[in-house]
Amino acid sequence: MVGILVTTHGMMAAGVIDSGAMIVGKQIHVEHISLTDTGIENYIQRLTKLLHNMRTDYKELLILCDLKSGTPYNECFRYILQHGCDNEIKLIAGLNLPMYLETVLASRDMSLEDLSLVAEKSGKLNIELLVL
């Protein structure tokens, strides 16, 4: 099973996971971490520890971030580069609830590569302008 990390600015990560739990139930293979007003250095320390622990528990990880080039994204990217684990960790920006739901539901049966494609596709396909 692929482990999933959700990371965002503020409490969005916890909110997405909480909303997801209302719809599909609690997911034991999902963790979250938020960049808060405790600062970037604190976030980096917590992120590094969490990623280390998750890599011990899961062979592969998918990280869902809120914003490309934001601090959570950049620090996850830096971790992947520093640890040479780009084959074991995939990073996707643009988190939304449909992306999260489809990803957690598919994560038990898919490879990391296939799961990352599901997450990306779902995130894009579920953005829609209602035109009457």
N, C-alpha and C. Protein backbone atom coordinates (compact mmCIF):
# COMPACT_ATOMS: atom_id res chain seq x y z
N MET A 1 0.84 -1.18 0.00
CA MET A 1 0.00 0.00 0.00
C MET A 1 0.88 1.24 0.00
N VAL A 2 0.47 2.24 -0.74
CA VAL A 2 1.17 3.51 -0.81
C VAL A 2 0.72 4.38 0.35
N GLY A 3 1.67 4.95 1.08
CA GLY A 3 1.35 5.92 2.12
C GLY A 3 1.07 7.26 1.48
N ILE A 4 0.19 8.04 2.09
CA ILE A 4 -0.18 9.34 1.55
C ILE A 4 0.05 10.41 2.61
N LEU A 5 0.74 11.47 2.20
CA LEU A 5 0.95 12.64 3.05
C LEU A 5 0.26 13.83 2.41
N VAL A 6 -0.54 14.53 3.18
CA VAL A 6 -1.20 15.75 2.73
C VAL A 6 -0.55 16.91 3.47
N THR A 7 -0.05 17.90 2.73
CA THR A 7 0.62 19.03 3.36
C THR A 7 0.19 20.34 2.70
N THR A 8 -0.10 21.32 3.55
CA THR A 8 -0.65 22.59 3.07
C THR A 8 -0.22 23.75 3.96
N HIS A 9 -0.51 24.93 3.46
CA HIS A 9 -0.44 26.14 4.29
C HIS A 9 -1.66 26.13 5.20
N GLY A 10 -1.48 26.45 6.46
CA GLY A 10 -2.62 26.49 7.38
C GLY A 10 -3.24 25.13 7.58
N MET A 11 -4.50 25.12 7.93
CA MET A 11 -5.17 23.88 8.34
C MET A 11 -5.93 23.18 7.22
N MET A 12 -5.67 23.53 5.99
CA MET A 12 -6.37 22.90 4.87
C MET A 12 -6.16 21.38 4.86
N ALA A 13 -4.94 20.93 5.14
CA ALA A 13 -4.65 19.49 5.11
C ALA A 13 -5.55 18.73 6.07
N ALA A 14 -5.66 19.21 7.29
CA ALA A 14 -6.52 18.56 8.28
C ALA A 14 -7.97 18.61 7.85
N GLY A 15 -8.38 19.71 7.25
CA GLY A 15 -9.76 19.86 6.79
C GLY A 15 -10.11 18.90 5.67
N VAL A 16 -9.20 18.73 4.72
CA VAL A 16 -9.44 17.80 3.61
C VAL A 16 -9.55 16.37 4.15
N ILE A 17 -8.66 16.01 5.05
CA ILE A 17 -8.70 14.66 5.62
C ILE A 17 -9.97 14.45 6.43
N ASP A 18 -10.36 15.46 7.20
CA ASP A 18 -11.59 15.37 7.99
C ASP A 18 -12.82 15.25 7.08
N SER A 19 -12.88 16.05 6.04
CA SER A 19 -13.99 15.96 5.09
C SER A 19 -13.99 14.60 4.39
N GLY A 20 -12.81 14.13 4.02
CA GLY A 20 -12.70 12.82 3.40
C GLY A 20 -13.19 11.71 4.30
N ALA A 21 -12.90 11.82 5.59
CA ALA A 21 -13.34 10.79 6.55
C ALA A 21 -14.86 10.75 6.64
N MET A 22 -15.52 11.89 6.48
CA MET A 22 -16.98 11.91 6.49
C MET A 22 -17.56 11.14 5.31
N ILE A 23 -16.83 11.12 4.21
CA ILE A 23 -17.34 10.52 2.97
C ILE A 23 -16.90 9.07 2.81
N VAL A 24 -15.61 8.78 3.05
CA VAL A 24 -15.09 7.42 2.79
C VAL A 24 -14.51 6.75 4.03
N GLY A 25 -14.63 7.40 5.17
CA GLY A 25 -14.10 6.82 6.40
C GLY A 25 -12.65 7.21 6.66
N LYS A 26 -12.21 6.96 7.86
CA LYS A 26 -10.84 7.27 8.27
C LYS A 26 -9.86 6.38 7.52
N GLN A 27 -8.77 6.96 7.08
CA GLN A 27 -7.75 6.24 6.31
C GLN A 27 -6.49 6.10 7.15
N ILE A 28 -6.11 4.88 7.47
CA ILE A 28 -4.97 4.67 8.36
C ILE A 28 -3.63 4.92 7.69
N HIS A 29 -3.60 4.96 6.37
CA HIS A 29 -2.34 5.15 5.66
C HIS A 29 -2.13 6.60 5.22
N VAL A 30 -2.88 7.52 5.81
CA VAL A 30 -2.80 8.94 5.47
C VAL A 30 -2.33 9.73 6.68
N GLU A 31 -1.38 10.63 6.44
CA GLU A 31 -0.89 11.56 7.46
C GLU A 31 -1.01 12.97 6.90
N HIS A 32 -0.94 13.95 7.78
CA HIS A 32 -0.94 15.34 7.31
C HIS A 32 0.02 16.17 8.15
N ILE A 33 0.46 17.25 7.54
CA ILE A 33 1.30 18.22 8.23
C ILE A 33 1.01 19.59 7.62
N SER A 34 0.94 20.59 8.48
CA SER A 34 0.59 21.93 8.04
C SER A 34 1.71 22.92 8.37
N LEU A 35 1.92 23.84 7.45
CA LEU A 35 2.79 24.98 7.72
C LEU A 35 1.95 25.99 8.48
N THR A 36 2.34 26.26 9.72
CA THR A 36 1.58 27.17 10.57
C THR A 36 2.44 28.37 10.94
N ASP A 37 1.93 29.18 11.84
CA ASP A 37 2.67 30.38 12.25
C ASP A 37 3.84 30.06 13.18
N THR A 38 4.13 28.77 13.41
CA THR A 38 5.32 28.40 14.19
C THR A 38 6.59 28.55 13.36
N GLY A 39 6.44 28.78 12.06
CA GLY A 39 7.58 29.10 11.22
C GLY A 39 8.05 27.97 10.32
N ILE A 40 8.85 28.37 9.35
CA ILE A 40 9.33 27.44 8.34
C ILE A 40 10.31 26.43 8.92
N GLU A 41 11.22 26.86 9.78
CA GLU A 41 12.20 25.92 10.34
C GLU A 41 11.51 24.82 11.14
N ASN A 42 10.49 25.20 11.90
CA ASN A 42 9.72 24.22 12.66
C ASN A 42 9.03 23.25 11.71
N TYR A 43 8.46 23.77 10.63
CA TYR A 43 7.79 22.93 9.63
C TYR A 43 8.79 21.94 9.02
N ILE A 44 9.96 22.42 8.65
CA ILE A 44 10.97 21.56 8.03
C ILE A 44 11.37 20.42 8.97
N GLN A 45 11.56 20.73 10.24
CA GLN A 45 11.92 19.69 11.21
C GLN A 45 10.81 18.65 11.34
N ARG A 46 9.57 19.12 11.46
CA ARG A 46 8.45 18.18 11.59
C ARG A 46 8.25 17.37 10.31
N LEU A 47 8.41 18.02 9.16
CA LEU A 47 8.26 17.34 7.87
C LEU A 47 9.31 16.25 7.71
N THR A 48 10.55 16.58 8.01
CA THR A 48 11.65 15.61 7.87
C THR A 48 11.40 14.40 8.75
N LYS A 49 11.00 14.63 9.98
CA LYS A 49 10.72 13.52 10.90
C LYS A 49 9.55 12.67 10.40
N LEU A 50 8.49 13.33 9.96
CA LEU A 50 7.31 12.61 9.48
C LEU A 50 7.63 11.79 8.24
N LEU A 51 8.35 12.38 7.29
CA LEU A 51 8.71 11.64 6.08
C LEU A 51 9.61 10.45 6.40
N HIS A 52 10.53 10.64 7.32
CA HIS A 52 11.39 9.52 7.73
C HIS A 52 10.54 8.39 8.31
N ASN A 53 9.61 8.73 9.19
CA ASN A 53 8.74 7.71 9.80
C ASN A 53 7.86 7.03 8.76
N MET A 54 7.31 7.82 7.85
CA MET A 54 6.44 7.23 6.82
C MET A 54 7.23 6.32 5.88
N ARG A 55 8.47 6.70 5.58
CA ARG A 55 9.29 5.85 4.70
C ARG A 55 9.66 4.54 5.39
N THR A 56 9.66 4.53 6.71
CA THR A 56 9.88 3.30 7.45
C THR A 56 8.65 2.40 7.35
N ASP A 57 7.47 3.01 7.36
CA ASP A 57 6.21 2.25 7.35
C ASP A 57 5.75 1.85 5.95
N TYR A 58 6.10 2.64 4.94
CA TYR A 58 5.61 2.41 3.57
C TYR A 58 6.78 2.43 2.60
N LYS A 59 6.73 1.54 1.64
CA LYS A 59 7.77 1.48 0.62
C LYS A 59 7.70 2.68 -0.32
N GLU A 60 6.46 3.14 -0.57
CA GLU A 60 6.25 4.26 -1.48
C GLU A 60 5.31 5.28 -0.85
N LEU A 61 5.54 6.56 -1.19
CA LEU A 61 4.73 7.66 -0.65
C LEU A 61 4.25 8.57 -1.77
N LEU A 62 3.03 9.04 -1.63
CA LEU A 62 2.50 10.07 -2.50
C LEU A 62 2.20 11.29 -1.62
N ILE A 63 2.76 12.43 -2.00
CA ILE A 63 2.54 13.67 -1.26
C ILE A 63 1.61 14.57 -2.06
N LEU A 64 0.54 14.99 -1.43
CA LEU A 64 -0.42 15.91 -2.04
C LEU A 64 -0.26 17.27 -1.37
N CYS A 65 0.08 18.28 -2.17
CA CYS A 65 0.30 19.65 -1.67
C CYS A 65 -0.76 20.59 -2.21
N ASP A 66 -0.92 21.69 -1.52
CA ASP A 66 -1.91 22.67 -1.94
C ASP A 66 -1.45 23.53 -3.11
N LEU A 67 -0.21 23.95 -3.12
CA LEU A 67 0.22 25.01 -4.03
C LEU A 67 1.61 24.74 -4.58
N LYS A 68 1.73 24.67 -5.90
CA LYS A 68 3.04 24.50 -6.52
C LYS A 68 3.91 25.70 -6.19
N SER A 69 5.13 25.43 -5.81
CA SER A 69 6.15 26.43 -5.48
C SER A 69 5.91 27.12 -4.14
N GLY A 70 4.90 26.69 -3.38
CA GLY A 70 4.74 27.18 -2.02
C GLY A 70 5.72 26.45 -1.10
N THR A 71 5.86 26.92 0.11
CA THR A 71 6.81 26.32 1.05
C THR A 71 6.59 24.83 1.27
N PRO A 72 5.37 24.35 1.53
CA PRO A 72 5.22 22.89 1.71
C PRO A 72 5.71 22.11 0.48
N TYR A 73 5.35 22.57 -0.70
CA TYR A 73 5.79 21.92 -1.94
C TYR A 73 7.32 21.97 -2.06
N ASN A 74 7.87 23.15 -1.89
CA ASN A 74 9.32 23.32 -2.04
C ASN A 74 10.10 22.46 -1.05
N GLU A 75 9.64 22.38 0.19
CA GLU A 75 10.37 21.60 1.19
C GLU A 75 10.23 20.10 0.94
N CYS A 76 9.09 19.66 0.44
CA CYS A 76 8.95 18.24 0.06
C CYS A 76 9.86 17.94 -1.13
N PHE A 77 9.90 18.83 -2.09
CA PHE A 77 10.77 18.67 -3.26
C PHE A 77 12.23 18.61 -2.82
N ARG A 78 12.61 19.50 -1.91
CA ARG A 78 13.98 19.52 -1.41
C ARG A 78 14.31 18.19 -0.71
N TYR A 79 13.38 17.67 0.08
CA TYR A 79 13.59 16.39 0.77
C TYR A 79 13.83 15.27 -0.26
N ILE A 80 13.00 15.23 -1.29
CA ILE A 80 13.13 14.20 -2.32
C ILE A 80 14.51 14.28 -2.98
N LEU A 81 14.94 15.49 -3.31
CA LEU A 81 16.26 15.66 -3.94
C LEU A 81 17.39 15.28 -2.99
N GLN A 82 17.32 15.75 -1.76
CA GLN A 82 18.40 15.49 -0.79
C GLN A 82 18.54 14.01 -0.46
N HIS A 83 17.43 13.28 -0.47
CA HIS A 83 17.46 11.87 -0.09
C HIS A 83 17.46 10.93 -1.29
N GLY A 84 17.46 11.49 -2.49
CA GLY A 84 17.51 10.67 -3.69
C GLY A 84 16.40 9.64 -3.77
N CYS A 85 15.20 10.04 -3.40
CA CYS A 85 14.10 9.08 -3.32
C CYS A 85 12.98 9.38 -4.31
N ASP A 86 13.34 9.91 -5.48
CA ASP A 86 12.32 10.26 -6.46
C ASP A 86 11.60 9.05 -7.05
N ASN A 87 12.15 7.85 -6.88
CA ASN A 87 11.45 6.64 -7.32
C ASN A 87 10.47 6.13 -6.28
N GLU A 88 10.65 6.56 -5.03
CA GLU A 88 9.78 6.09 -3.93
C GLU A 88 8.77 7.13 -3.48
N ILE A 89 8.98 8.39 -3.86
CA ILE A 89 8.07 9.46 -3.45
C ILE A 89 7.68 10.28 -4.67
N LYS A 90 6.38 10.50 -4.83
CA LYS A 90 5.87 11.39 -5.89
C LYS A 90 5.18 12.56 -5.21
N LEU A 91 5.29 13.72 -5.84
CA LEU A 91 4.78 14.97 -5.28
C LEU A 91 3.82 15.61 -6.27
N ILE A 92 2.62 15.93 -5.81
CA ILE A 92 1.60 16.53 -6.66
C ILE A 92 1.06 17.79 -5.99
N ALA A 93 0.95 18.86 -6.76
CA ALA A 93 0.39 20.12 -6.26
C ALA A 93 -1.02 20.30 -6.81
N GLY A 94 -1.80 21.12 -6.13
CA GLY A 94 -3.16 21.44 -6.58
C GLY A 94 -4.23 20.66 -5.84
N LEU A 95 -3.96 20.31 -4.60
CA LEU A 95 -4.87 19.50 -3.80
C LEU A 95 -6.30 20.03 -3.82
N ASN A 96 -7.23 19.12 -4.05
CA ASN A 96 -8.65 19.40 -3.84
C ASN A 96 -9.31 18.14 -3.30
N LEU A 97 -10.52 18.27 -2.80
CA LEU A 97 -11.18 17.13 -2.16
C LEU A 97 -11.41 15.95 -3.11
N PRO A 98 -11.87 16.17 -4.34
CA PRO A 98 -12.03 15.02 -5.24
C PRO A 98 -10.71 14.29 -5.49
N MET A 99 -9.62 15.03 -5.64
CA MET A 99 -8.31 14.40 -5.81
C MET A 99 -8.00 13.52 -4.61
N TYR A 100 -8.19 14.06 -3.43
CA TYR A 100 -7.91 13.30 -2.21
C TYR A 100 -8.75 12.04 -2.14
N LEU A 101 -10.05 12.16 -2.37
CA LEU A 101 -10.95 11.01 -2.27
C LEU A 101 -10.58 9.91 -3.25
N GLU A 102 -10.40 10.25 -4.50
CA GLU A 102 -10.07 9.23 -5.50
C GLU A 102 -8.72 8.60 -5.21
N THR A 103 -7.79 9.40 -4.71
CA THR A 103 -6.46 8.88 -4.42
C THR A 103 -6.49 7.89 -3.26
N VAL A 104 -7.15 8.23 -2.17
CA VAL A 104 -7.16 7.30 -1.04
C VAL A 104 -7.93 6.03 -1.37
N LEU A 105 -8.98 6.13 -2.16
CA LEU A 105 -9.74 4.94 -2.52
C LEU A 105 -8.94 4.01 -3.44
N ALA A 106 -8.10 4.58 -4.29
CA ALA A 106 -7.31 3.77 -5.23
C ALA A 106 -5.98 3.31 -4.64
N SER A 107 -5.56 3.88 -3.53
CA SER A 107 -4.19 3.68 -3.04
C SER A 107 -3.89 2.27 -2.56
N ARG A 108 -4.88 1.50 -2.23
CA ARG A 108 -4.63 0.14 -1.74
C ARG A 108 -4.27 -0.83 -2.86
N ASP A 109 -4.68 -0.52 -4.09
CA ASP A 109 -4.54 -1.46 -5.19
C ASP A 109 -3.62 -1.01 -6.31
N MET A 110 -3.01 0.16 -6.21
CA MET A 110 -2.24 0.70 -7.32
C MET A 110 -0.79 0.92 -6.95
N SER A 111 0.03 0.92 -7.98
CA SER A 111 1.43 1.29 -7.81
C SER A 111 1.51 2.80 -7.60
N LEU A 112 2.63 3.26 -7.10
CA LEU A 112 2.82 4.69 -6.89
C LEU A 112 2.69 5.46 -8.20
N GLU A 113 3.27 4.93 -9.24
CA GLU A 113 3.22 5.60 -10.55
C GLU A 113 1.78 5.76 -11.02
N ASP A 114 1.01 4.69 -10.98
CA ASP A 114 -0.39 4.75 -11.41
C ASP A 114 -1.23 5.64 -10.50
N LEU A 115 -0.97 5.56 -9.21
CA LEU A 115 -1.72 6.37 -8.25
C LEU A 115 -1.46 7.86 -8.46
N SER A 116 -0.23 8.22 -8.76
CA SER A 116 0.08 9.63 -9.00
C SER A 116 -0.67 10.14 -10.23
N LEU A 117 -0.83 9.30 -11.24
CA LEU A 117 -1.59 9.69 -12.43
C LEU A 117 -3.08 9.85 -12.11
N VAL A 118 -3.61 8.97 -11.27
CA VAL A 118 -5.01 9.08 -10.83
C VAL A 118 -5.22 10.39 -10.09
N ALA A 119 -4.32 10.72 -9.18
CA ALA A 119 -4.45 11.95 -8.40
C ALA A 119 -4.42 13.18 -9.31
N GLU A 120 -3.46 13.21 -10.22
CA GLU A 120 -3.35 14.36 -11.12
C GLU A 120 -4.60 14.50 -12.00
N LYS A 121 -5.03 13.40 -12.59
CA LYS A 121 -6.20 13.43 -13.47
C LYS A 121 -7.46 13.84 -12.71
N SER A 122 -7.66 13.27 -11.54
CA SER A 122 -8.84 13.59 -10.75
C SER A 122 -8.87 15.06 -10.34
N GLY A 123 -7.73 15.56 -9.92
CA GLY A 123 -7.66 16.96 -9.53
C GLY A 123 -8.06 17.89 -10.65
N LYS A 124 -7.62 17.57 -11.87
CA LYS A 124 -7.94 18.41 -13.02
C LYS A 124 -9.39 18.24 -13.47
N LEU A 125 -9.87 17.01 -13.52
CA LEU A 125 -11.21 16.74 -14.05
C LEU A 125 -12.33 17.26 -13.16
N ASN A 126 -12.06 17.47 -11.90
CA ASN A 126 -13.11 17.87 -10.98
C ASN A 126 -13.17 19.37 -10.73
N ILE A 127 -12.57 20.12 -11.62
CA ILE A 127 -12.70 21.57 -11.58
C ILE A 127 -13.62 21.95 -12.74
N GLU A 128 -14.69 22.64 -12.41
CA GLU A 128 -15.70 22.89 -13.44
C GLU A 128 -16.44 24.18 -13.16
N LEU A 129 -16.67 24.93 -14.19
CA LEU A 129 -17.49 26.13 -14.11
C LEU A 129 -18.90 25.76 -14.55
N LEU A 130 -19.86 26.01 -13.71
CA LEU A 130 -21.25 25.75 -14.07
C LEU A 130 -21.73 26.85 -15.00
N VAL A 131 -22.16 26.44 -16.17
CA VAL A 131 -22.69 27.39 -17.15
C VAL A 131 -24.14 27.04 -17.40
N LEU A 132 -25.02 27.97 -17.13
CA LEU A 132 -26.46 27.74 -17.32
C LEU A 132 -26.92 28.22 -18.68
